[in-house]
Amino acid sequence: MQITDFQKSFILFRTDILKKPSGTTSHKPPSTLNNGRIQVECRIEVTETATGVSHEFVLGASCKTERVGVEGDIWTDPNGDFIPIFGREQFMILKAYDRAEKGIMFYPPERGAQPERQVGISSEVFDSGGYTLVYEEGTLLSTAPEIVEATLAGKALVARIVLESERYTAVIDHPVKTMNASERDDIYQTDTGAILLPDLSREPQNLLSGMELAFEAFNSPDWVEFIVRVPTPVADGINVHHYSKSVRMNSKNEIYQMG
């Protein structure tokens, strides 16, 4: 079985302001050219049951808002999380600061406030933008003892979660970064993320904008619990983006050993 090798898979985007203005920044870029490479942390493929048409999206690792190539003061103030999600043609940038809806302005400021979920066409914003996935051979671990043994042996593991609705089948692949295991009781349990959680009630063209970040946990092959990142109240009128919404779903879960 060919499984995504996440260590070798990357989102790649190129910003060349001599060709088009930067479309995602909150500060004046220090240089005219930058190539961003961000490791892929999750791949999701959503397939329409009626037509067989598939829609692929990848989640990049979370990084921070920064000035590239400066001699000091690299981090923007206020500083925010920068989380890229790319499809074949579209992209979505998630930004989060110390509170939700902070209203950070684009650069130049006459462009207005940045949305926390910026969705666009890659070719309209970047000189080039997309992703590259590398696949390697993976071995399905079909029993709990096999999963426990591979975990304790230090093997690289990839999880696959399959969700189904009347309209779609969603396959979510991601590296297992945290795993619990008991060789005495033959128990394993994932606890890993962030991954992409789709809204399978949406129209195909709106699947990307409906993606949420979540962590997943499962210890059986047929159900999973997600803890979803949502605006979460911390004081009167103040929300933060936090993993606070627990959701349980029926699913098909698999663990693969890489190599």
C-alpha atoms as a PDB file:
ATOM      1  CA  MET A   1       0.000   0.000   0.000  1.00  0.00           C
ATOM      2  CA  GLN A   2       1.364   3.399  -1.005  1.00  0.00           C
ATOM      3  CA  ILE A   3       1.021   5.873   1.893  1.00  0.00           C
ATOM      4  CA  THR A   4       2.031   9.531   2.074  1.00  0.00           C
ATOM      5  CA  ASP A   5       5.537  10.033   3.462  1.00  0.00           C
ATOM      6  CA  PHE A   6       4.859  13.213   5.408  1.00  0.00           C
ATOM      7  CA  GLN A   7       8.535  13.842   6.194  1.00  0.00           C
ATOM      8  CA  LYS A   8       9.150  14.362   2.468  1.00  0.00           C
ATOM      9  CA  SER A   9       5.887  16.129   1.508  1.00  0.00           C
ATOM     10  CA  PHE A  10       5.616  19.914   1.389  1.00  0.00           C
ATOM     11  CA  ILE A  11       3.430  22.889   0.594  1.00  0.00           C
ATOM     12  CA  LEU A  12       5.389  25.248  -1.651  1.00  0.00           C
ATOM     13  CA  PHE A  13       4.422  28.823  -2.450  1.00  0.00           C
ATOM     14  CA  ARG A  14       6.348  31.625  -4.115  1.00  0.00           C
ATOM     15  CA  THR A  15       5.739  35.326  -3.550  1.00  0.00           C
ATOM     16  CA  ASP A  16       7.307  37.733  -6.053  1.00  0.00           C
ATOM     17  CA  ILE A  17       6.049  41.267  -5.484  1.00  0.00           C
ATOM     18  CA  LEU A  18       7.691  42.433  -8.697  1.00  0.00           C
ATOM     19  CA  LYS A  19       4.988  40.361 -10.432  1.00  0.00           C
ATOM     20  CA  LYS A  20       2.022  40.785  -8.059  1.00  0.00           C
ATOM     21  CA  PRO A  21       1.512  42.291  -4.590  1.00  0.00           C
ATOM     22  CA  SER A  22       1.704  39.995  -1.606  1.00  0.00           C
ATOM     23  CA  GLY A  23      -1.832  38.887  -0.841  1.00  0.00           C
ATOM     24  CA  THR A  24      -1.519  37.491   2.681  1.00  0.00           C
ATOM     25  CA  THR A  25       0.827  39.737   4.694  1.00  0.00           C
ATOM     26  CA  SER A  26       0.195  42.258   7.462  1.00  0.00           C
ATOM     27  CA  HIS A  27       3.535  44.063   6.980  1.00  0.00           C
ATOM     28  CA  LYS A  28       5.650  45.395   4.146  1.00  0.00           C
ATOM     29  CA  PRO A  29       7.774  42.483   2.849  1.00  0.00           C
ATOM     30  CA  PRO A  30      11.491  43.162   3.513  1.00  0.00           C
ATOM     31  CA  SER A  31      12.446  41.644   0.139  1.00  0.00           C
ATOM     32  CA  THR A  32      10.733  41.223  -3.197  1.00  0.00           C
ATOM     33  CA  LEU A  33      10.982  37.423  -3.402  1.00  0.00           C
ATOM     34  CA  ASN A  34      10.320  34.563  -1.007  1.00  0.00           C
ATOM     35  CA  ASN A  35       9.744  30.849  -1.448  1.00  0.00           C
ATOM     36  CA  GLY A  36       7.923  29.264   1.460  1.00  0.00           C
ATOM     37  CA  ARG A  37       8.236  25.526   2.112  1.00  0.00           C
ATOM     38  CA  ILE A  38       6.024  24.068   4.851  1.00  0.00           C
ATOM     39  CA  GLN A  39       5.826  20.397   5.782  1.00  0.00           C
ATOM     40  CA  VAL A  40       2.519  18.654   5.132  1.00  0.00           C
ATOM     41  CA  GLU A  41       0.835  17.365   8.306  1.00  0.00           C
ATOM     42  CA  CYS A  42      -2.369  15.916   6.877  1.00  0.00           C
ATOM     43  CA  ARG A  43      -3.793  14.856   3.523  1.00  0.00           C
ATOM     44  CA  ILE A  44      -7.532  14.509   2.985  1.00  0.00           C
ATOM     45  CA  GLU A  45      -9.344  13.235  -0.077  1.00  0.00           C
ATOM     46  CA  VAL A  46     -13.100  13.765  -0.283  1.00  0.00           C
ATOM     47  CA  THR A  47     -14.833  11.725  -2.983  1.00  0.00           C
ATOM     48  CA  GLU A  48     -18.346  12.352  -4.276  1.00  0.00           C
ATOM     49  CA  THR A  49     -20.278   9.084  -4.121  1.00  0.00           C
ATOM     50  CA  ALA A  50     -22.499   9.794  -7.124  1.00  0.00           C
ATOM     51  CA  THR A  51     -19.783  10.851  -9.560  1.00  0.00           C
ATOM     52  CA  GLY A  52     -16.507   9.500  -8.195  1.00  0.00           C
ATOM     53  CA  VAL A  53     -14.988  12.993  -8.434  1.00  0.00           C
ATOM     54  CA  SER A  54     -12.377  13.530  -5.728  1.00  0.00           C
ATOM     55  CA  HIS A  55     -11.166  16.698  -4.014  1.00  0.00           C
ATOM     56  CA  GLU A  56      -7.739  16.665  -2.361  1.00  0.00           C
ATOM     57  CA  PHE A  57      -6.513  19.058   0.350  1.00  0.00           C
ATOM     58  CA  VAL A  58      -3.364  19.210   2.460  1.00  0.00           C
ATOM     59  CA  LEU A  59      -2.652  20.880   5.792  1.00  0.00           C
ATOM     60  CA  GLY A  60       0.691  22.535   6.413  1.00  0.00           C
ATOM     61  CA  ALA A  61       2.476  22.725   9.741  1.00  0.00           C
ATOM     62  CA  SER A  62       1.572  25.690  11.910  1.00  0.00           C
ATOM     63  CA  CYS A  63       4.148  28.477  11.900  1.00  0.00           C
ATOM     64  CA  LYS A  64       4.224  32.103  13.073  1.00  0.00           C
ATOM     65  CA  THR A  65       3.837  35.464  11.377  1.00  0.00           C
ATOM     66  CA  GLU A  66       7.353  36.697  10.569  1.00  0.00           C
ATOM     67  CA  ARG A  67       9.546  39.112   8.649  1.00  0.00           C
ATOM     68  CA  VAL A  68      11.913  37.125   6.415  1.00  0.00           C
ATOM     69  CA  GLY A  69      15.575  38.072   6.043  1.00  0.00           C
ATOM     70  CA  VAL A  70      15.703  40.974   8.510  1.00  0.00           C
ATOM     71  CA  GLU A  71      18.588  41.594  10.936  1.00  0.00           C
ATOM     72  CA  GLY A  72      16.323  41.593  13.984  1.00  0.00           C
ATOM     73  CA  ASP A  73      12.710  41.834  15.149  1.00  0.00           C
ATOM     74  CA  ILE A  74      11.733  38.816  13.067  1.00  0.00           C
ATOM     75  CA  TRP A  75       8.385  38.221  14.774  1.00  0.00           C
ATOM     76  CA  THR A  76       5.513  40.524  13.927  1.00  0.00           C
ATOM     77  CA  ASP A  77       3.794  42.260  16.834  1.00  0.00           C
ATOM     78  CA  PRO A  78       1.118  41.219  17.479  1.00  0.00           C
ATOM     79  CA  ASN A  79       2.209  37.748  16.506  1.00  0.00           C
ATOM     80  CA  GLY A  80      -0.129  35.141  15.109  1.00  0.00           C
ATOM     81  CA  ASP A  81      -0.347  31.529  14.053  1.00  0.00           C
ATOM     82  CA  PHE A  82      -0.073  31.019  10.277  1.00  0.00           C
ATOM     83  CA  ILE A  83      -1.615  27.745   9.093  1.00  0.00           C
ATOM     84  CA  PRO A  84      -1.822  26.999   5.348  1.00  0.00           C
ATOM     85  CA  ILE A  85      -4.298  24.620   3.698  1.00  0.00           C
ATOM     86  CA  PHE A  86      -4.024  24.008  -0.042  1.00  0.00           C
ATOM     87  CA  GLY A  87      -6.214  22.288  -2.597  1.00  0.00           C
ATOM     88  CA  ARG A  88      -5.412  21.757  -6.226  1.00  0.00           C
ATOM     89  CA  GLU A  89      -6.447  25.306  -7.149  1.00  0.00           C
ATOM     90  CA  GLN A  90      -7.602  27.020  -3.959  1.00  0.00           C
ATOM     91  CA  PHE A  91      -5.884  27.832  -0.698  1.00  0.00           C
ATOM     92  CA  MET A  92      -7.001  28.839   2.791  1.00  0.00           C
ATOM     93  CA  ILE A  93      -4.790  30.611   5.312  1.00  0.00           C
ATOM     94  CA  LEU A  94      -5.866  30.402   8.962  1.00  0.00           C
ATOM     95  CA  LYS A  95      -4.489  33.091  11.257  1.00  0.00           C
ATOM     96  CA  ALA A  96      -5.038  33.280  14.999  1.00  0.00           C
ATOM     97  CA  TYR A  97      -3.847  35.859  17.510  1.00  0.00           C
ATOM     98  CA  ASP A  98      -4.266  36.261  21.266  1.00  0.00           C
ATOM     99  CA  ARG A  99      -8.009  36.622  20.751  1.00  0.00           C
ATOM    100  CA  ALA A 100     -10.422  35.823  17.981  1.00  0.00           C
ATOM    101  CA  GLU A 101     -11.522  38.523  15.525  1.00  0.00           C
ATOM    102  CA  LYS A 102      -8.612  40.775  16.484  1.00  0.00           C
ATOM    103  CA  GLY A 103      -8.915  42.710  13.225  1.00  0.00           C
ATOM    104  CA  ILE A 104      -5.290  42.718  12.056  1.00  0.00           C
ATOM    105  CA  MET A 105      -4.946  44.792   8.906  1.00  0.00           C
ATOM    106  CA  PHE A 106      -3.519  43.662   5.600  1.00  0.00           C
ATOM    107  CA  TYR A 107      -0.524  45.467   4.116  1.00  0.00           C
ATOM    108  CA  PRO A 108      -1.104  48.016   2.751  1.00  0.00           C
ATOM    109  CA  PRO A 109      -3.817  48.865   5.327  1.00  0.00           C
ATOM    110  CA  GLU A 110      -6.227  50.286   2.741  1.00  0.00           C
ATOM    111  CA  ARG A 111      -6.911  46.641   1.834  1.00  0.00           C
ATOM    112  CA  GLY A 112      -8.776  46.359   5.119  1.00  0.00           C
ATOM    113  CA  ALA A 113      -8.762  43.793   7.903  1.00  0.00           C
ATOM    114  CA  GLN A 114      -7.508  40.277   7.306  1.00  0.00           C
ATOM    115  CA  PRO A 115     -10.098  37.529   7.616  1.00  0.00           C
ATOM    116  CA  GLU A 116      -9.138  34.788  10.041  1.00  0.00           C
ATOM    117  CA  ARG A 117      -9.982  32.320   7.268  1.00  0.00           C
ATOM    118  CA  GLN A 118      -8.602  33.738   4.035  1.00  0.00           C
ATOM    119  CA  VAL A 119      -9.755  31.690   1.042  1.00  0.00           C
ATOM    120  CA  GLY A 120      -8.538  32.403  -2.477  1.00  0.00           C
ATOM    121  CA  ILE A 121      -7.295  31.090  -5.810  1.00  0.00           C
ATOM    122  CA  SER A 122      -3.612  30.229  -5.558  1.00  0.00           C
ATOM    123  CA  SER A 123      -2.703  31.586  -9.001  1.00  0.00           C
ATOM    124  CA  GLU A 124      -4.266  34.962  -8.160  1.00  0.00           C
ATOM    125  CA  VAL A 125      -2.297  35.485  -4.933  1.00  0.00           C
ATOM    126  CA  PHE A 126       1.016  33.668  -5.358  1.00  0.00           C
ATOM    127  CA  ASP A 127       3.526  33.663  -8.210  1.00  0.00           C
ATOM    128  CA  SER A 128       3.198  29.899  -7.796  1.00  0.00           C
ATOM    129  CA  GLY A 129       1.554  27.837  -5.109  1.00  0.00           C
ATOM    130  CA  GLY A 130       0.778  24.207  -4.527  1.00  0.00           C
ATOM    131  CA  TYR A 131       2.132  21.095  -2.873  1.00  0.00           C
ATOM    132  CA  THR A 132       4.188  18.005  -3.524  1.00  0.00           C
ATOM    133  CA  LEU A 133       3.364  14.628  -1.983  1.00  0.00           C
ATOM    134  CA  VAL A 134       5.789  11.714  -1.787  1.00  0.00           C
ATOM    135  CA  TYR A 135       4.483   8.184  -1.337  1.00  0.00           C
ATOM    136  CA  GLU A 136       6.226   5.216   0.250  1.00  0.00           C
ATOM    137  CA  GLU A 137       5.279   1.627   0.933  1.00  0.00           C
ATOM    138  CA  GLY A 138       3.236   1.171   4.102  1.00  0.00           C
ATOM    139  CA  THR A 139       2.202  -2.040   5.871  1.00  0.00           C
ATOM    140  CA  LEU A 140      -1.251  -2.264   7.427  1.00  0.00           C
ATOM    141  CA  LEU A 141      -1.133  -3.229  11.102  1.00  0.00           C
ATOM    142  CA  SER A 142      -4.343  -5.190  11.439  1.00  0.00           C
ATOM    143  CA  THR A 143      -4.381  -6.048  15.147  1.00  0.00           C
ATOM    144  CA  ALA A 144      -3.845  -4.209  18.412  1.00  0.00           C
ATOM    145  CA  PRO A 145      -0.766  -6.316  19.323  1.00  0.00           C
ATOM    146  CA  GLU A 146       0.824  -5.435  15.966  1.00  0.00           C
ATOM    147  CA  ILE A 147       0.184  -1.731  16.567  1.00  0.00           C
ATOM    148  CA  VAL A 148       1.594  -1.928  20.105  1.00  0.00           C
ATOM    149  CA  GLU A 149       4.684  -3.816  18.905  1.00  0.00           C
ATOM    150  CA  ALA A 150       5.400  -1.285  16.127  1.00  0.00           C
ATOM    151  CA  THR A 151       4.873   1.606  18.534  1.00  0.00           C
ATOM    152  CA  LEU A 152       7.330   0.242  21.105  1.00  0.00           C
ATOM    153  CA  ALA A 153       9.830  -0.624  18.357  1.00  0.00           C
ATOM    154  CA  GLY A 154       9.979   3.020  17.314  1.00  0.00           C
ATOM    155  CA  LYS A 155       8.473   2.535  13.852  1.00  0.00           C
ATOM    156  CA  ALA A 156       7.092   5.487  11.894  1.00  0.00           C
ATOM    157  CA  LEU A 157       3.297   5.236  11.853  1.00  0.00           C
ATOM    158  CA  VAL A 158       0.602   6.840   9.690  1.00  0.00           C
ATOM    159  CA  ALA A 159      -3.089   6.820  10.603  1.00  0.00           C
ATOM    160  CA  ARG A 160      -5.972   6.708   8.135  1.00  0.00           C
ATOM    161  CA  ILE A 161      -9.481   7.731   9.206  1.00  0.00           C
ATOM    162  CA  VAL A 162     -12.358   7.179   6.778  1.00  0.00           C
ATOM    163  CA  LEU A 163     -15.616   9.111   7.300  1.00  0.00           C
ATOM    164  CA  GLU A 164     -18.737   8.544   5.223  1.00  0.00           C
ATOM    165  CA  SER A 165     -21.938  10.446   4.534  1.00  0.00           C
ATOM    166  CA  GLU A 166     -24.652   9.866   1.954  1.00  0.00           C
ATOM    167  CA  ARG A 167     -22.843  12.222  -0.417  1.00  0.00           C
ATOM    168  CA  TYR A 168     -19.131  11.793   0.323  1.00  0.00           C
ATOM    169  CA  THR A 169     -16.357   9.524   1.512  1.00  0.00           C
ATOM    170  CA  ALA A 170     -13.481  11.341   3.220  1.00  0.00           C
ATOM    171  CA  VAL A 171     -10.077   9.690   3.702  1.00  0.00           C
ATOM    172  CA  ILE A 172      -7.857  11.492   6.227  1.00  0.00           C
ATOM    173  CA  ASP A 173      -4.168  10.462   6.318  1.00  0.00           C
ATOM    174  CA  HIS A 174      -1.719  11.874   8.862  1.00  0.00           C
ATOM    175  CA  PRO A 175       1.409  10.887  10.791  1.00  0.00           C
ATOM    176  CA  VAL A 176       0.883   9.494  14.283  1.00  0.00           C
ATOM    177  CA  LYS A 177       2.912  11.916  16.361  1.00  0.00           C
ATOM    178  CA  THR A 178       1.616  10.719  19.744  1.00  0.00           C
ATOM    179  CA  MET A 179       0.635   7.139  20.545  1.00  0.00           C
ATOM    180  CA  ASN A 180      -0.221   5.393  23.818  1.00  0.00           C
ATOM    181  CA  ALA A 181       0.467   1.659  24.067  1.00  0.00           C
ATOM    182  CA  SER A 182       0.206  -1.149  26.629  1.00  0.00           C
ATOM    183  CA  GLU A 183       1.789  -4.493  25.800  1.00  0.00           C
ATOM    184  CA  ARG A 184       0.216  -5.959  28.949  1.00  0.00           C
ATOM    185  CA  ASP A 185      -3.357  -5.207  27.888  1.00  0.00           C
ATOM    186  CA  ASP A 186      -2.899  -4.937  24.104  1.00  0.00           C
ATOM    187  CA  ILE A 187      -4.259  -1.386  24.160  1.00  0.00           C
ATOM    188  CA  TYR A 188      -3.234   1.438  21.860  1.00  0.00           C
ATOM    189  CA  GLN A 189      -4.641   4.939  21.544  1.00  0.00           C
ATOM    190  CA  THR A 190      -3.697   7.738  19.192  1.00  0.00           C
ATOM    191  CA  ASP A 191      -3.649  11.363  20.336  1.00  0.00           C
ATOM    192  CA  THR A 192      -2.440  13.387  17.426  1.00  0.00           C
ATOM    193  CA  GLY A 193      -3.002  16.434  15.232  1.00  0.00           C
ATOM    194  CA  ALA A 194      -3.609  18.883  13.976  1.00  0.00           C
ATOM    195  CA  ILE A 195      -5.560  17.286  11.134  1.00  0.00           C
ATOM    196  CA  LEU A 196      -8.265  18.485   8.765  1.00  0.00           C
ATOM    197  CA  LEU A 197     -11.879  17.714   9.677  1.00  0.00           C
ATOM    198  CA  PRO A 198     -14.294  18.204   6.758  1.00  0.00           C
ATOM    199  CA  ASP A 199     -17.885  19.400   6.797  1.00  0.00           C
ATOM    200  CA  LEU A 200     -19.522  16.750   4.612  1.00  0.00           C
ATOM    201  CA  SER A 201     -22.774  18.726   4.365  1.00  0.00           C
ATOM    202  CA  ARG A 202     -21.154  21.308   2.078  1.00  0.00           C
ATOM    203  CA  GLU A 203     -21.197  21.676  -1.684  1.00  0.00           C
ATOM    204  CA  PRO A 204     -17.982  20.509  -3.392  1.00  0.00           C
ATOM    205  CA  GLN A 205     -16.806  24.044  -4.170  1.00  0.00           C
ATOM    206  CA  ASN A 206     -17.147  24.975  -0.490  1.00  0.00           C
ATOM    207  CA  LEU A 207     -15.364  22.000   1.044  1.00  0.00           C
ATOM    208  CA  LEU A 208     -12.095  23.880   1.577  1.00  0.00           C
ATOM    209  CA  SER A 209     -13.644  26.849   3.369  1.00  0.00           C
ATOM    210  CA  GLY A 210     -15.464  24.462   5.713  1.00  0.00           C
ATOM    211  CA  MET A 211     -12.359  22.613   6.900  1.00  0.00           C
ATOM    212  CA  GLU A 212     -11.681  22.774  10.644  1.00  0.00           C
ATOM    213  CA  LEU A 213      -8.568  21.889  12.609  1.00  0.00           C
ATOM    214  CA  ALA A 214      -8.859  19.034  15.073  1.00  0.00           C
ATOM    215  CA  PHE A 215      -6.907  16.505  17.073  1.00  0.00           C
ATOM    216  CA  GLU A 216      -8.022  12.878  16.897  1.00  0.00           C
ATOM    217  CA  ALA A 217      -8.019   9.967  19.321  1.00  0.00           C
ATOM    218  CA  PHE A 218      -9.071   6.379  18.671  1.00  0.00           C
ATOM    219  CA  ASN A 219      -8.371   2.969  20.179  1.00  0.00           C
ATOM    220  CA  SER A 220     -10.584   0.829  17.966  1.00  0.00           C
ATOM    221  CA  PRO A 221     -11.167   0.421  14.226  1.00  0.00           C
ATOM    222  CA  ASP A 222     -14.743   1.752  14.068  1.00  0.00           C
ATOM    223  CA  TRP A 223     -15.050   5.063  15.928  1.00  0.00           C
ATOM    224  CA  VAL A 224     -13.026   8.191  16.595  1.00  0.00           C
ATOM    225  CA  GLU A 225     -13.255  11.221  18.853  1.00  0.00           C
ATOM    226  CA  PHE A 226     -12.151  14.636  17.615  1.00  0.00           C
ATOM    227  CA  ILE A 227     -11.386  17.718  19.683  1.00  0.00           C
ATOM    228  CA  VAL A 228     -12.082  20.597  17.287  1.00  0.00           C
ATOM    229  CA  ARG A 229     -10.556  24.076  17.217  1.00  0.00           C
ATOM    230  CA  VAL A 230     -13.380  26.612  17.567  1.00  0.00           C
ATOM    231  CA  PRO A 231     -13.827  30.148  18.924  1.00  0.00           C
ATOM    232  CA  THR A 232     -14.015  29.555  22.679  1.00  0.00           C
ATOM    233  CA  PRO A 233     -15.208  32.143  25.254  1.00  0.00           C
ATOM    234  CA  VAL A 234     -12.699  33.027  27.980  1.00  0.00           C
ATOM    235  CA  ALA A 235     -14.312  36.242  29.261  1.00  0.00           C
ATOM    236  CA  ASP A 236     -17.287  38.471  28.471  1.00  0.00           C
ATOM    237  CA  GLY A 237     -17.072  39.313  24.775  1.00  0.00           C
ATOM    238  CA  ILE A 238     -13.663  37.667  24.350  1.00  0.00           C
ATOM    239  CA  ASN A 239     -13.082  34.437  22.419  1.00  0.00           C
ATOM    240  CA  VAL A 240      -9.871  32.585  21.621  1.00  0.00           C
ATOM    241  CA  HIS A 241      -9.248  29.845  19.068  1.00  0.00           C
ATOM    242  CA  HIS A 242      -8.938  26.692  21.162  1.00  0.00           C
ATOM    243  CA  TYR A 243      -9.437  22.946  20.780  1.00  0.00           C
ATOM    244  CA  SER A 244     -12.553  22.687  22.929  1.00  0.00           C
ATOM    245  CA  LYS A 245     -15.389  21.020  20.957  1.00  0.00           C
ATOM    246  CA  SER A 246     -15.521  17.240  21.380  1.00  0.00           C
ATOM    247  CA  VAL A 247     -17.129  15.235  18.561  1.00  0.00           C
ATOM    248  CA  ARG A 248     -17.507  11.446  18.284  1.00  0.00           C
ATOM    249  CA  MET A 249     -18.037   9.847  14.861  1.00  0.00           C
ATOM    250  CA  ASN A 250     -18.378   6.410  13.359  1.00  0.00           C
ATOM    251  CA  SER A 251     -15.346   5.753  11.187  1.00  0.00           C
ATOM    252  CA  LYS A 252     -12.964   3.214   9.733  1.00  0.00           C
ATOM    253  CA  ASN A 253      -9.538   3.581  11.324  1.00  0.00           C
ATOM    254  CA  GLU A 254      -6.270   2.044  10.161  1.00  0.00           C
ATOM    255  CA  ILE A 255      -2.627   2.285  11.267  1.00  0.00           C
ATOM    256  CA  TYR A 256       0.199   1.757   8.774  1.00  0.00           C
ATOM    257  CA  GLN A 257       3.857   1.122   9.510  1.00  0.00           C
ATOM    258  CA  MET A 258       6.091   2.978   7.100  1.00  0.00           C
ATOM    259  CA  GLY A 259       9.048   1.307   5.408  1.00  0.00           C
END
